[in-house]
Amino acid sequence: MIPSLFHRHSPKRLLPARLLAMSLIGAALVACTSAEDRAREQALIDRTDHQHCLDLGFEPGTEPYGNCRLKLKEIRASEREPESNTRFGVGVGIGIGL
């Protein structure tokens, strides 16, 4: 049997390309949703930080208020990144804590 040019684009050959295209479209839709979720989460964090600093007696637009917001942001960052904590480590050996 001699292969012809018409059999080159059989449905079996197009299936992986279709799956790839559908996967890329799905990934793009998920990325949009997660960006919206991140924006909503950030807005909630901003409102919470604002209220927390107000509760502590800081007035918006002042340097102490800005320092309060910055400190809350630093605390969140240190909680997310355990590798930034110098007391956190993984390994084998003998340790002496001071």
C-alpha atoms as a PDB file:
ATOM      1  CA  MET A   1       0.000   0.000   0.000  1.00  0.00           C
ATOM      2  CA  ILE A   2       1.390   3.384  -0.998  1.00  0.00           C
ATOM      3  CA  PRO A   3       0.741   6.223   1.463  1.00  0.00           C
ATOM      4  CA  SER A   4      -1.014   9.152  -0.120  1.00  0.00           C
ATOM      5  CA  LEU A   5      -0.938  12.804   0.786  1.00  0.00           C
ATOM      6  CA  PHE A   6      -4.595  12.680   1.779  1.00  0.00           C
ATOM      7  CA  HIS A   7      -3.956  10.272   4.659  1.00  0.00           C
ATOM      8  CA  ARG A   8      -1.328  12.500   6.218  1.00  0.00           C
ATOM      9  CA  HIS A   9      -3.945  14.562   8.093  1.00  0.00           C
ATOM     10  CA  SER A  10      -5.881  11.684   9.559  1.00  0.00           C
ATOM     11  CA  PRO A  11      -7.924  12.305  12.719  1.00  0.00           C
ATOM     12  CA  LYS A  12      -5.447  10.193  14.681  1.00  0.00           C
ATOM     13  CA  ARG A  13      -2.642  12.614  13.828  1.00  0.00           C
ATOM     14  CA  LEU A  14      -4.711  15.689  14.649  1.00  0.00           C
ATOM     15  CA  LEU A  15      -5.786  14.402  18.055  1.00  0.00           C
ATOM     16  CA  PRO A  16      -2.561  15.375  19.899  1.00  0.00           C
ATOM     17  CA  ALA A  17      -2.657  18.850  18.329  1.00  0.00           C
ATOM     18  CA  ARG A  18      -6.281  19.312  19.368  1.00  0.00           C
ATOM     19  CA  LEU A  19      -5.526  18.144  22.895  1.00  0.00           C
ATOM     20  CA  LEU A  20      -2.610  20.553  23.101  1.00  0.00           C
ATOM     21  CA  ALA A  21      -4.746  23.448  21.863  1.00  0.00           C
ATOM     22  CA  MET A  22      -7.515  22.632  24.338  1.00  0.00           C
ATOM     23  CA  SER A  23      -4.980  22.364  27.168  1.00  0.00           C
ATOM     24  CA  LEU A  24      -3.479  25.752  26.319  1.00  0.00           C
ATOM     25  CA  ILE A  25      -6.913  27.382  26.218  1.00  0.00           C
ATOM     26  CA  GLY A  26      -7.790  25.782  29.560  1.00  0.00           C
ATOM     27  CA  ALA A  27      -4.531  26.965  31.108  1.00  0.00           C
ATOM     28  CA  ALA A  28      -5.174  30.506  29.878  1.00  0.00           C
ATOM     29  CA  LEU A  29      -8.642  30.498  31.437  1.00  0.00           C
ATOM     30  CA  VAL A  30      -7.282  29.204  34.739  1.00  0.00           C
ATOM     31  CA  ALA A  31      -4.590  31.896  34.739  1.00  0.00           C
ATOM     32  CA  CYS A  32      -7.243  34.608  34.334  1.00  0.00           C
ATOM     33  CA  THR A  33      -9.298  33.240  37.187  1.00  0.00           C
ATOM     34  CA  SER A  34      -6.326  32.967  39.507  1.00  0.00           C
ATOM     35  CA  ALA A  35      -5.273  36.552  38.730  1.00  0.00           C
ATOM     36  CA  GLU A  36      -8.732  37.752  39.755  1.00  0.00           C
ATOM     37  CA  ASP A  37      -8.536  35.645  42.901  1.00  0.00           C
ATOM     38  CA  ARG A  38      -5.134  37.111  43.754  1.00  0.00           C
ATOM     39  CA  ALA A  39      -6.487  40.634  43.261  1.00  0.00           C
ATOM     40  CA  ARG A  40      -9.443  39.917  45.565  1.00  0.00           C
ATOM     41  CA  GLU A  41      -7.135  38.382  48.168  1.00  0.00           C
ATOM     42  CA  GLN A  42      -4.790  41.382  48.017  1.00  0.00           C
ATOM     43  CA  ALA A  43      -7.727  43.783  48.413  1.00  0.00           C
ATOM     44  CA  LEU A  44      -8.859  41.865  51.497  1.00  0.00           C
ATOM     45  CA  ILE A  45      -5.338  41.996  52.956  1.00  0.00           C
ATOM     46  CA  ASP A  46      -5.167  45.749  52.284  1.00  0.00           C
ATOM     47  CA  ARG A  47      -8.510  46.373  54.016  1.00  0.00           C
ATOM     48  CA  THR A  48      -7.491  44.213  56.979  1.00  0.00           C
ATOM     49  CA  ASP A  49      -4.105  45.926  57.338  1.00  0.00           C
ATOM     50  CA  HIS A  50      -5.742  49.350  57.061  1.00  0.00           C
ATOM     51  CA  GLN A  51      -8.244  48.516  59.793  1.00  0.00           C
ATOM     52  CA  HIS A  52      -5.561  46.954  61.999  1.00  0.00           C
ATOM     53  CA  CYS A  53      -3.407  50.086  61.829  1.00  0.00           C
ATOM     54  CA  LEU A  54      -6.467  52.285  62.511  1.00  0.00           C
ATOM     55  CA  ASP A  55      -7.302  50.136  65.550  1.00  0.00           C
ATOM     56  CA  LEU A  56      -3.770  50.718  66.831  1.00  0.00           C
ATOM     57  CA  GLY A  57      -4.358  54.476  66.637  1.00  0.00           C
ATOM     58  CA  PHE A  58      -2.394  55.385  63.505  1.00  0.00           C
ATOM     59  CA  GLU A  59      -3.810  58.032  61.178  1.00  0.00           C
ATOM     60  CA  PRO A  60      -3.782  57.337  57.415  1.00  0.00           C
ATOM     61  CA  GLY A  61      -1.347  59.467  55.463  1.00  0.00           C
ATOM     62  CA  THR A  62       1.148  59.747  58.301  1.00  0.00           C
ATOM     63  CA  GLU A  63       4.598  58.216  58.524  1.00  0.00           C
ATOM     64  CA  PRO A  64       3.712  56.029  61.547  1.00  0.00           C
ATOM     65  CA  TYR A  65       0.693  54.674  59.630  1.00  0.00           C
ATOM     66  CA  GLY A  66       2.947  53.842  56.681  1.00  0.00           C
ATOM     67  CA  ASN A  67       5.401  52.130  59.020  1.00  0.00           C
ATOM     68  CA  CYS A  68       2.548  50.082  60.491  1.00  0.00           C
ATOM     69  CA  ARG A  69       1.450  48.907  57.031  1.00  0.00           C
ATOM     70  CA  LEU A  70       5.038  48.117  56.080  1.00  0.00           C
ATOM     71  CA  LYS A  71       5.610  46.118  59.272  1.00  0.00           C
ATOM     72  CA  LEU A  72       2.479  44.028  58.645  1.00  0.00           C
ATOM     73  CA  LYS A  73       3.714  43.309  55.118  1.00  0.00           C
ATOM     74  CA  GLU A  74       7.141  42.275  56.463  1.00  0.00           C
ATOM     75  CA  ILE A  75       5.526  39.939  58.998  1.00  0.00           C
ATOM     76  CA  ARG A  76       3.475  38.228  56.268  1.00  0.00           C
ATOM     77  CA  ALA A  77       6.572  37.841  54.079  1.00  0.00           C
ATOM     78  CA  SER A  78       8.568  36.251  56.907  1.00  0.00           C
ATOM     79  CA  GLU A  79       5.716  33.816  57.609  1.00  0.00           C
ATOM     80  CA  ARG A  80       5.596  32.755  53.940  1.00  0.00           C
ATOM     81  CA  GLU A  81       9.351  32.224  53.620  1.00  0.00           C
ATOM     82  CA  PRO A  82      10.693  29.870  56.280  1.00  0.00           C
ATOM     83  CA  GLU A  83      14.107  29.867  54.562  1.00  0.00           C
ATOM     84  CA  SER A  84      14.505  33.493  55.576  1.00  0.00           C
ATOM     85  CA  ASN A  85      14.344  32.394  59.202  1.00  0.00           C
ATOM     86  CA  THR A  86      17.910  31.772  60.387  1.00  0.00           C
ATOM     87  CA  ARG A  87      16.707  29.246  62.963  1.00  0.00           C
ATOM     88  CA  PHE A  88      15.144  27.034  60.316  1.00  0.00           C
ATOM     89  CA  GLY A  89      17.292  24.402  58.677  1.00  0.00           C
ATOM     90  CA  VAL A  90      17.412  20.895  57.331  1.00  0.00           C
ATOM     91  CA  GLY A  91      20.429  18.663  57.492  1.00  0.00           C
ATOM     92  CA  VAL A  92      22.318  15.916  59.199  1.00  0.00           C
ATOM     93  CA  GLY A  93      24.810  16.602  61.926  1.00  0.00           C
ATOM     94  CA  ILE A  94      25.245  17.890  65.408  1.00  0.00           C
ATOM     95  CA  GLY A  95      23.893  21.293  66.252  1.00  0.00           C
ATOM     96  CA  ILE A  96      24.461  23.477  69.226  1.00  0.00           C
ATOM     97  CA  GLY A  97      21.792  26.056  69.907  1.00  0.00           C
ATOM     98  CA  LEU A  98      22.719  29.215  71.692  1.00  0.00           C
END
